[in-house]
Amino acid sequence: MQKKILTILILAIIGLVIGYLLFGKIGGEYIDVSTIFSNSGGDFGSFGRKLTGISKIRNNILISGGVGAVIGVVLIFVKKK
């Protein structure tokens, strides 16, 4: 059971890294990870994130991690058969 969970976690992390490499750029430069995943205060910070596109970048990276986790689950079920 632990091996299955570890497989899912590793593939989710790989998905997050690939997502960051694909979507983590603005103007040809990578955004700092803490900038993407930090919680800026209040409505002004939220507006700034939407304006710069950081919210969309964050969502794309998280979706990539989710896809990695789903691939891990699929691999586990394929190995069972």
C-alpha atoms as a PDB file:
ATOM      1  CA  MET A   1       0.000   0.000   0.000  1.00  0.00           C
ATOM      2  CA  GLN A   2       2.815   2.425   0.852  1.00  0.00           C
ATOM      3  CA  LYS A   3       4.477   1.721  -2.476  1.00  0.00           C
ATOM      4  CA  LYS A   4       1.265   2.654  -4.309  1.00  0.00           C
ATOM      5  CA  ILE A   5       0.903   5.931  -2.427  1.00  0.00           C
ATOM      6  CA  LEU A   6       4.567   6.714  -2.988  1.00  0.00           C
ATOM      7  CA  THR A   7       4.160   6.083  -6.724  1.00  0.00           C
ATOM      8  CA  ILE A   8       1.195   8.449  -6.886  1.00  0.00           C
ATOM      9  CA  LEU A   9       3.037  11.154  -4.906  1.00  0.00           C
ATOM     10  CA  ILE A  10       6.184  10.885  -7.029  1.00  0.00           C
ATOM     11  CA  LEU A  11       4.217  11.171 -10.270  1.00  0.00           C
ATOM     12  CA  ALA A  12       2.231  14.105  -8.857  1.00  0.00           C
ATOM     13  CA  ILE A  13       5.491  15.892  -7.979  1.00  0.00           C
ATOM     14  CA  ILE A  14       6.890  15.127 -11.436  1.00  0.00           C
ATOM     15  CA  GLY A  15       3.683  16.578 -12.894  1.00  0.00           C
ATOM     16  CA  LEU A  16       4.106  19.739 -10.817  1.00  0.00           C
ATOM     17  CA  VAL A  17       7.715  20.146 -11.963  1.00  0.00           C
ATOM     18  CA  ILE A  18       6.791  19.623 -15.610  1.00  0.00           C
ATOM     19  CA  GLY A  19       3.884  22.055 -15.188  1.00  0.00           C
ATOM     20  CA  TYR A  20       6.235  24.651 -13.728  1.00  0.00           C
ATOM     21  CA  LEU A  21       8.682  24.182 -16.588  1.00  0.00           C
ATOM     22  CA  LEU A  22       5.892  24.537 -19.159  1.00  0.00           C
ATOM     23  CA  PHE A  23       3.763  27.283 -17.600  1.00  0.00           C
ATOM     24  CA  GLY A  24       5.957  29.056 -15.041  1.00  0.00           C
ATOM     25  CA  LYS A  25       7.316  31.740 -17.368  1.00  0.00           C
ATOM     26  CA  ILE A  26       6.288  35.335 -17.829  1.00  0.00           C
ATOM     27  CA  GLY A  27       8.236  37.338 -20.375  1.00  0.00           C
ATOM     28  CA  GLY A  28      10.737  34.542 -20.945  1.00  0.00           C
ATOM     29  CA  GLU A  29      11.742  34.284 -17.266  1.00  0.00           C
ATOM     30  CA  TYR A  30      10.593  31.800 -14.679  1.00  0.00           C
ATOM     31  CA  ILE A  31       8.534  33.184 -11.815  1.00  0.00           C
ATOM     32  CA  ASP A  32       9.737  32.397  -8.310  1.00  0.00           C
ATOM     33  CA  VAL A  33       7.861  29.413  -6.881  1.00  0.00           C
ATOM     34  CA  SER A  34       7.067  31.331  -3.703  1.00  0.00           C
ATOM     35  CA  THR A  35       5.413  34.038  -5.804  1.00  0.00           C
ATOM     36  CA  ILE A  36       3.187  31.503  -7.528  1.00  0.00           C
ATOM     37  CA  PHE A  37       2.075  29.659  -4.412  1.00  0.00           C
ATOM     38  CA  SER A  38       2.115  32.414  -1.785  1.00  0.00           C
ATOM     39  CA  ASN A  39      -1.077  34.027  -0.591  1.00  0.00           C
ATOM     40  CA  SER A  40      -0.877  37.778  -1.127  1.00  0.00           C
ATOM     41  CA  GLY A  41      -3.033  39.769   1.179  1.00  0.00           C
ATOM     42  CA  GLY A  42      -6.470  41.014   0.389  1.00  0.00           C
ATOM     43  CA  ASP A  43      -8.341  42.004  -2.703  1.00  0.00           C
ATOM     44  CA  PHE A  44      -5.515  44.114  -4.074  1.00  0.00           C
ATOM     45  CA  GLY A  45      -3.133  41.139  -4.135  1.00  0.00           C
ATOM     46  CA  SER A  46      -5.789  38.961  -5.737  1.00  0.00           C
ATOM     47  CA  PHE A  47      -6.415  41.610  -8.395  1.00  0.00           C
ATOM     48  CA  GLY A  48      -2.686  41.842  -9.093  1.00  0.00           C
ATOM     49  CA  ARG A  49      -2.428  38.065  -9.512  1.00  0.00           C
ATOM     50  CA  LYS A  50      -5.298  38.053 -11.993  1.00  0.00           C
ATOM     51  CA  LEU A  51      -3.853  41.021 -13.848  1.00  0.00           C
ATOM     52  CA  THR A  52      -0.401  39.467 -14.258  1.00  0.00           C
ATOM     53  CA  GLY A  53      -1.754  36.002 -15.072  1.00  0.00           C
ATOM     54  CA  ILE A  54      -0.225  34.319 -12.027  1.00  0.00           C
ATOM     55  CA  SER A  55      -3.593  32.784 -11.096  1.00  0.00           C
ATOM     56  CA  LYS A  56      -3.838  31.057 -14.460  1.00  0.00           C
ATOM     57  CA  ILE A  57      -0.212  29.893 -14.245  1.00  0.00           C
ATOM     58  CA  ARG A  58      -0.855  28.489 -10.760  1.00  0.00           C
ATOM     59  CA  ASN A  59      -3.968  26.650 -11.959  1.00  0.00           C
ATOM     60  CA  ASN A  60      -2.119  25.154 -14.929  1.00  0.00           C
ATOM     61  CA  ILE A  61       0.703  23.922 -12.690  1.00  0.00           C
ATOM     62  CA  LEU A  62      -1.743  22.373 -10.213  1.00  0.00           C
ATOM     63  CA  ILE A  63      -3.639  20.695 -13.059  1.00  0.00           C
ATOM     64  CA  SER A  64      -0.346  19.225 -14.291  1.00  0.00           C
ATOM     65  CA  GLY A  65       0.282  17.801 -10.821  1.00  0.00           C
ATOM     66  CA  GLY A  66      -3.221  16.329 -10.788  1.00  0.00           C
ATOM     67  CA  VAL A  67      -2.626  14.719 -14.170  1.00  0.00           C
ATOM     68  CA  GLY A  68       0.572  13.183 -12.796  1.00  0.00           C
ATOM     69  CA  ALA A  69      -1.363  11.745  -9.845  1.00  0.00           C
ATOM     70  CA  VAL A  70      -4.037  10.334 -12.151  1.00  0.00           C
ATOM     71  CA  ILE A  71      -1.345   8.702 -14.279  1.00  0.00           C
ATOM     72  CA  GLY A  72       0.030   7.153 -11.086  1.00  0.00           C
ATOM     73  CA  VAL A  73      -3.382   5.709 -10.206  1.00  0.00           C
ATOM     74  CA  VAL A  74      -3.810   4.347 -13.731  1.00  0.00           C
ATOM     75  CA  LEU A  75      -0.361   2.735 -13.629  1.00  0.00           C
ATOM     76  CA  ILE A  76      -1.205   1.045 -10.334  1.00  0.00           C
ATOM     77  CA  PHE A  77      -4.390  -0.443 -11.764  1.00  0.00           C
ATOM     78  CA  VAL A  78      -2.628  -1.536 -14.960  1.00  0.00           C
ATOM     79  CA  LYS A  79       0.077  -3.285 -12.939  1.00  0.00           C
ATOM     80  CA  LYS A  80      -2.577  -5.229 -11.003  1.00  0.00           C
ATOM     81  CA  LYS A  81      -3.856  -6.929 -14.147  1.00  0.00           C
END
